[in-house]
Amino acid sequence: MRNIRTMFESLSGGWGQQALALLDVGVLVLEEQRVQWANPYLLSALELEFEDLNSDLLVTTQLTSRLLETDKVFQLALGNESQERWFKREHIKTPEYDVYFFHECSEWVAIGNECRRLRNDLNALSPKNAITGAINYDVWTHFLEGHISRSRRYNNPLSLLRITYFYQEDIDTQSFEHSIQQVAFFLKDKLRWADQIGMLDNKTFLISLPETNYASALKLLKKFNGEQHLALFAKGGGRPLSFSIGVAAWAKGDTAVKILHKTRQDVDLAALF
């Protein structure tokens, strides 16, 4: 123990030992595989006192089994099981000593675990609505942000449709699901392969129209005055009572939230034709 202290104290009048003692990183020094010195930070992490430390082979074996005979990133087992501490080990070899540094990375491990948990939760979520097959809102919005990014870069036109169908409040679940499914079939049949259909809620469809300007988007609305769409409103149980359409075109400076807000302005179909 005396030799290692003498070595540190000889560094610039003792500043080396003081720096290692104050460092918020664990430091362990071995000489010929026996413990020579450990700084206060490491002793505290190990729940040891300085008096517990000596070059005895048993002490060395106990420490190395906890600190060195593990992966480079390891969990330090403590008496308090509720406290989980992780460290990353670095090694420097000198002609006389093996010096090990232990950087605590508990927060990074916790963040990594949380990211993996969230990723697993996301993977567990179905990207599509189980009834209509339309893309769920969060996934659709992600795609929309990609379209906006391309429009911003290349100045490509981009338009959106928001279509809401209105039903009687007391409609039974089976009739509603059958009806909204028929609406989804109509939309998929009338749109291009590049157009993406999402759902804002169980009665509102969102449709992104890449490479489509506002005037062209308005022309698409003619399909909603056609016989196939109007047949969805024929008399009978489970039919929608009415619907509304909002149209918006991307403009410079628009975000996904802003362009979606613009679709709230309903279009009067009767005034278009």
Protein backbone atom coordinates (compact mmCIF):
# COMPACT_ATOMS: atom_id res chain seq x y z
CA MET A 1 0.00 0.00 0.00
CA ARG A 2 2.88 2.33 0.78
CA ASN A 3 4.40 2.08 -2.71
CA ILE A 4 1.21 3.04 -4.53
CA ARG A 5 0.65 6.01 -2.24
CA THR A 6 4.24 7.12 -2.81
CA MET A 7 3.71 6.87 -6.57
CA PHE A 8 0.58 9.06 -6.52
CA GLU A 9 2.02 11.57 -4.08
CA SER A 10 5.04 11.99 -6.33
CA LEU A 11 2.85 13.23 -9.17
CA SER A 12 3.10 17.04 -9.20
CA GLY A 13 3.31 17.30 -5.44
CA GLY A 14 0.47 14.89 -4.72
CA TRP A 15 -2.17 16.23 -7.14
CA GLY A 16 -2.50 12.84 -8.87
CA GLN A 17 -3.68 11.03 -5.77
CA GLN A 18 -5.99 13.89 -4.83
CA ALA A 19 -7.55 13.88 -8.30
CA LEU A 20 -8.16 10.13 -8.26
CA ALA A 21 -9.55 10.34 -4.73
CA LEU A 22 -12.07 13.04 -5.69
CA LEU A 23 -13.00 11.59 -9.07
CA ASP A 24 -16.62 10.44 -9.53
CA VAL A 25 -15.25 7.31 -11.16
CA GLY A 26 -14.15 4.15 -9.37
CA VAL A 27 -10.42 3.42 -9.45
CA LEU A 28 -8.79 0.13 -8.47
CA VAL A 29 -5.02 -0.50 -8.58
CA LEU A 30 -3.56 -3.99 -8.56
CA GLU A 31 0.10 -4.99 -8.29
CA GLU A 32 0.84 -8.56 -9.26
CA GLN A 33 -2.89 -9.30 -9.00
CA ARG A 34 -3.15 -8.01 -5.44
CA VAL A 35 -5.13 -4.94 -4.36
CA GLN A 36 -2.92 -1.94 -3.67
CA TRP A 37 -5.37 0.96 -3.67
CA ALA A 38 -8.98 1.93 -4.37
CA ASN A 39 -10.41 5.43 -4.35
CA PRO A 40 -13.29 6.51 -2.05
CA TYR A 41 -15.85 6.46 -4.86
CA LEU A 42 -15.26 2.76 -5.56
CA LEU A 43 -15.19 1.89 -1.87
CA SER A 44 -18.53 3.64 -1.40
CA ALA A 45 -20.03 1.77 -4.37
CA LEU A 46 -18.81 -1.50 -2.84
CA GLU A 47 -20.12 -0.49 0.58
CA LEU A 48 -16.64 -0.89 2.04
CA GLU A 49 -14.49 1.19 4.36
CA PHE A 50 -10.85 1.97 3.68
CA GLU A 51 -9.93 -0.20 6.67
CA ASP A 52 -11.49 -3.18 4.90
CA LEU A 53 -8.97 -2.87 2.09
CA ASN A 54 -5.60 -4.65 2.14
CA SER A 55 -3.45 -6.70 -0.19
CA ASP A 56 -4.54 -9.97 1.35
CA LEU A 57 -5.22 -12.60 -1.30
CA LEU A 58 -8.73 -13.26 0.03
CA VAL A 59 -9.68 -9.59 -0.22
CA THR A 60 -8.23 -9.43 -3.73
CA THR A 61 -10.18 -12.51 -4.79
CA GLN A 62 -13.43 -11.14 -3.44
CA LEU A 63 -12.98 -7.78 -5.18
CA THR A 64 -11.85 -9.16 -8.52
CA SER A 65 -14.73 -11.60 -8.63
CA ARG A 66 -17.15 -8.69 -8.25
CA LEU A 67 -15.36 -6.21 -10.48
CA LEU A 68 -13.13 -7.98 -12.98
CA GLU A 69 -14.56 -11.44 -13.62
CA THR A 70 -17.58 -9.96 -15.37
CA ASP A 71 -18.54 -8.43 -18.69
CA LYS A 72 -17.11 -5.02 -19.54
CA VAL A 73 -20.49 -3.53 -18.63
CA PHE A 74 -21.83 -5.18 -15.51
CA GLN A 75 -24.30 -4.83 -12.67
CA LEU A 76 -22.79 -4.46 -9.23
CA ALA A 77 -24.59 -6.65 -6.74
CA LEU A 78 -25.26 -4.74 -3.52
CA GLY A 79 -26.82 -5.60 -0.20
CA ASN A 80 -29.69 -3.24 -1.01
CA GLU A 81 -31.41 -5.19 -3.77
CA SER A 82 -33.68 -2.26 -4.67
CA GLN A 83 -30.64 -0.27 -5.81
CA GLU A 84 -29.45 -1.28 -9.26
CA ARG A 85 -26.05 0.12 -10.25
CA TRP A 86 -24.27 -0.57 -13.52
CA PHE A 87 -20.64 0.16 -14.35
CA LYS A 88 -18.42 0.15 -17.42
CA ARG A 89 -14.85 -1.04 -16.85
CA GLU A 90 -11.69 0.36 -18.50
CA HIS A 91 -8.17 -1.02 -18.03
CA ILE A 92 -4.76 0.65 -18.18
CA LYS A 93 -1.61 -1.46 -17.75
CA THR A 94 1.65 0.12 -16.61
CA PRO A 95 5.01 -1.60 -16.09
CA GLU A 96 4.17 -2.03 -12.40
CA TYR A 97 0.40 -1.82 -12.01
CA ASP A 98 -2.96 -2.75 -13.49
CA VAL A 99 -5.25 0.25 -13.09
CA TYR A 100 -8.98 -0.20 -13.56
CA PHE A 101 -11.52 2.59 -13.95
CA PHE A 102 -15.24 2.02 -13.32
CA HIS A 103 -17.64 4.52 -14.88
CA GLU A 104 -21.18 4.32 -13.55
CA CYS A 105 -23.68 3.98 -16.40
CA SER A 106 -26.84 3.13 -14.47
CA GLU A 107 -28.85 5.93 -16.11
CA TRP A 108 -27.79 4.87 -19.62
CA VAL A 109 -28.72 1.26 -18.92
CA ALA A 110 -32.10 2.38 -17.55
CA ILE A 111 -32.69 4.52 -20.66
CA GLY A 112 -31.72 1.62 -22.91
CA ASN A 113 -34.07 -0.73 -21.08
CA GLU A 114 -36.91 1.78 -21.37
CA CYS A 115 -36.25 2.24 -25.10
CA ARG A 116 -36.38 -1.52 -25.62
CA ARG A 117 -39.60 -1.73 -23.62
CA LEU A 118 -41.21 1.03 -25.67
CA ARG A 119 -40.02 -0.56 -28.92
CA ASN A 120 -41.54 -3.87 -27.88
CA ASP A 121 -44.79 -2.13 -26.94
CA LEU A 122 -44.84 -0.41 -30.34
CA ASN A 123 -44.19 -3.67 -32.16
CA ALA A 124 -47.05 -5.24 -30.22
CA LEU A 125 -49.45 -2.59 -31.49
CA SER A 126 -51.21 -3.37 -34.73
CA PRO A 127 -50.36 -0.75 -37.36
CA LYS A 128 -53.82 -1.07 -38.89
CA ASN A 129 -57.40 -0.72 -37.72
CA ALA A 130 -58.80 -4.21 -37.15
CA ILE A 131 -62.17 -3.40 -38.78
CA THR A 132 -61.33 -1.17 -41.74
CA GLY A 133 -57.72 -2.17 -42.42
CA ALA A 134 -56.82 1.53 -42.55
CA ILE A 135 -53.54 2.67 -41.00
CA ASN A 136 -53.78 3.71 -37.36
CA TYR A 137 -53.37 7.42 -36.67
CA ASP A 138 -49.86 7.37 -35.19
CA VAL A 139 -48.46 5.30 -38.05
CA TRP A 140 -50.29 7.38 -40.67
CA THR A 141 -48.91 10.59 -39.14
CA HIS A 142 -45.40 9.14 -39.34
CA PHE A 143 -45.90 8.53 -43.06
CA LEU A 144 -47.35 12.03 -43.47
CA GLU A 145 -44.24 13.58 -41.95
CA GLY A 146 -42.20 11.71 -44.56
CA HIS A 147 -44.36 13.12 -47.36
CA ILE A 148 -44.00 16.62 -45.92
CA SER A 149 -40.24 16.23 -45.73
CA ARG A 150 -40.10 15.31 -49.43
CA SER A 151 -42.43 18.17 -50.38
CA ARG A 152 -40.24 20.57 -48.42
CA ARG A 153 -37.10 19.31 -50.16
CA TYR A 154 -38.38 18.95 -53.72
CA ASN A 155 -41.42 21.24 -53.63
CA ASN A 156 -43.70 18.34 -54.56
CA PRO A 157 -47.45 18.94 -54.21
CA LEU A 158 -49.24 17.17 -51.38
CA SER A 159 -52.89 17.21 -50.35
CA LEU A 160 -55.00 15.66 -47.61
CA LEU A 161 -58.61 14.60 -47.27
CA ARG A 162 -60.47 14.24 -43.99
CA ILE A 163 -63.76 12.40 -44.33
CA THR A 164 -66.14 11.95 -41.40
CA TYR A 165 -69.28 9.79 -41.46
CA PHE A 166 -72.17 10.44 -39.08
CA TYR A 167 -74.40 7.73 -37.62
CA GLN A 168 -77.34 7.47 -35.30
CA GLU A 169 -76.18 7.51 -31.71
CA ASP A 170 -77.98 4.28 -30.85
CA ILE A 171 -76.61 2.23 -33.74
CA ASP A 172 -75.60 -1.28 -32.68
CA THR A 173 -71.95 -2.28 -32.88
CA GLN A 174 -72.34 -4.99 -35.50
CA SER A 175 -74.25 -2.75 -37.91
CA PHE A 176 -71.79 0.10 -37.45
CA GLU A 177 -68.74 -2.08 -38.04
CA HIS A 178 -70.26 -3.53 -41.21
CA SER A 179 -71.10 -0.07 -42.52
CA ILE A 180 -67.73 1.55 -41.78
CA GLN A 181 -66.06 -1.47 -43.35
CA GLN A 182 -68.02 -0.89 -46.56
CA VAL A 183 -66.91 2.76 -46.52
CA ALA A 184 -63.29 1.62 -46.23
CA PHE A 185 -63.75 -0.75 -49.20
CA PHE A 186 -65.09 2.15 -51.27
CA LEU A 187 -62.15 4.40 -50.40
CA LYS A 188 -59.57 1.74 -51.19
CA ASP A 189 -61.26 1.00 -54.52
CA LYS A 190 -61.33 4.63 -55.64
CA LEU A 191 -57.88 5.80 -54.58
CA ARG A 192 -54.46 5.29 -56.13
CA TRP A 193 -51.93 2.79 -54.77
CA ALA A 194 -49.72 5.66 -53.52
CA ASP A 195 -52.54 7.26 -51.51
CA GLN A 196 -52.49 6.25 -47.84
CA ILE A 197 -55.67 5.84 -45.80
CA GLY A 198 -55.53 6.33 -42.05
CA MET A 199 -58.09 6.80 -39.30
CA LEU A 200 -58.35 9.74 -36.92
CA ASP A 201 -61.11 8.02 -34.95
CA ASN A 202 -63.57 5.22 -35.63
CA LYS A 203 -65.69 7.41 -37.95
CA THR A 204 -63.08 9.69 -39.57
CA PHE A 205 -60.73 8.71 -42.39
CA LEU A 206 -57.55 10.60 -43.26
CA ILE A 207 -56.14 10.28 -46.78
CA SER A 208 -52.76 11.56 -47.92
CA LEU A 209 -52.48 12.34 -51.62
CA PRO A 210 -48.83 12.62 -52.71
CA GLU A 211 -48.06 14.49 -55.93
CA THR A 212 -51.55 16.03 -55.81
CA ASN A 213 -52.22 19.77 -55.70
CA TYR A 214 -55.34 21.38 -54.25
CA ALA A 215 -57.19 21.65 -57.57
CA SER A 216 -56.59 17.98 -58.35
CA ALA A 217 -57.69 16.99 -54.86
CA LEU A 218 -60.98 18.82 -55.38
CA LYS A 219 -61.56 16.91 -58.62
CA LEU A 220 -61.28 13.64 -56.67
CA LEU A 221 -64.30 14.67 -54.62
CA LYS A 222 -66.52 14.01 -57.62
CA LYS A 223 -66.26 10.32 -56.74
CA PHE A 224 -68.15 11.01 -53.53
CA ASN A 225 -71.18 12.16 -55.54
CA GLY A 226 -71.13 8.95 -57.57
CA GLU A 227 -73.64 6.11 -57.29
CA GLN A 228 -71.25 3.72 -55.54
CA HIS A 229 -70.67 6.13 -52.66
CA LEU A 230 -74.28 7.27 -52.43
CA ALA A 231 -75.34 3.63 -52.20
CA LEU A 232 -73.67 3.52 -48.79
CA PHE A 233 -76.44 5.87 -47.56
CA ALA A 234 -79.38 3.85 -48.93
CA LYS A 235 -82.19 3.11 -46.53
CA GLY A 236 -81.65 0.32 -44.05
CA GLY A 237 -80.18 -0.30 -40.64
CA GLY A 238 -76.57 0.61 -40.00
CA ARG A 239 -76.26 3.17 -42.80
CA PRO A 240 -74.48 6.49 -42.23
CA LEU A 241 -76.78 9.51 -42.06
CA SER A 242 -74.39 11.96 -43.70
CA PHE A 243 -70.72 12.77 -44.18
CA SER A 244 -68.38 15.75 -44.41
CA ILE A 245 -65.11 16.27 -46.28
CA GLY A 246 -62.24 18.59 -45.53
CA VAL A 247 -59.43 19.23 -48.04
CA ALA A 248 -56.05 20.84 -47.51
CA ALA A 249 -52.88 21.25 -49.56
CA TRP A 250 -49.38 21.50 -48.16
CA ALA A 251 -47.75 24.93 -48.26
CA LYS A 252 -44.26 25.96 -47.25
CA GLY A 253 -43.99 26.12 -43.49
CA ASP A 254 -46.76 23.59 -42.87
CA THR A 255 -46.14 20.88 -40.30
CA ALA A 256 -48.19 17.71 -39.97
CA VAL A 257 -50.24 19.31 -37.21
CA LYS A 258 -50.87 22.48 -39.22
CA ILE A 259 -51.97 20.78 -42.43
CA LEU A 260 -54.25 18.44 -40.47
CA HIS A 261 -55.81 21.47 -38.80
CA LYS A 262 -56.48 22.96 -42.24
CA THR A 263 -58.61 19.94 -43.21
CA ARG A 264 -61.18 20.90 -40.56
CA GLN A 265 -62.78 23.30 -43.04
CA ASP A 266 -65.52 21.25 -44.68
CA VAL A 267 -66.08 21.40 -48.44
CA ASP A 268 -69.56 21.96 -49.82
CA LEU A 269 -69.80 19.22 -52.46
CA ALA A 270 -72.94 20.67 -53.97
CA ALA A 271 -71.06 23.88 -54.78
CA LEU A 272 -68.33 21.99 -56.66
CA PHE A 273 -70.47 20.34 -59.35
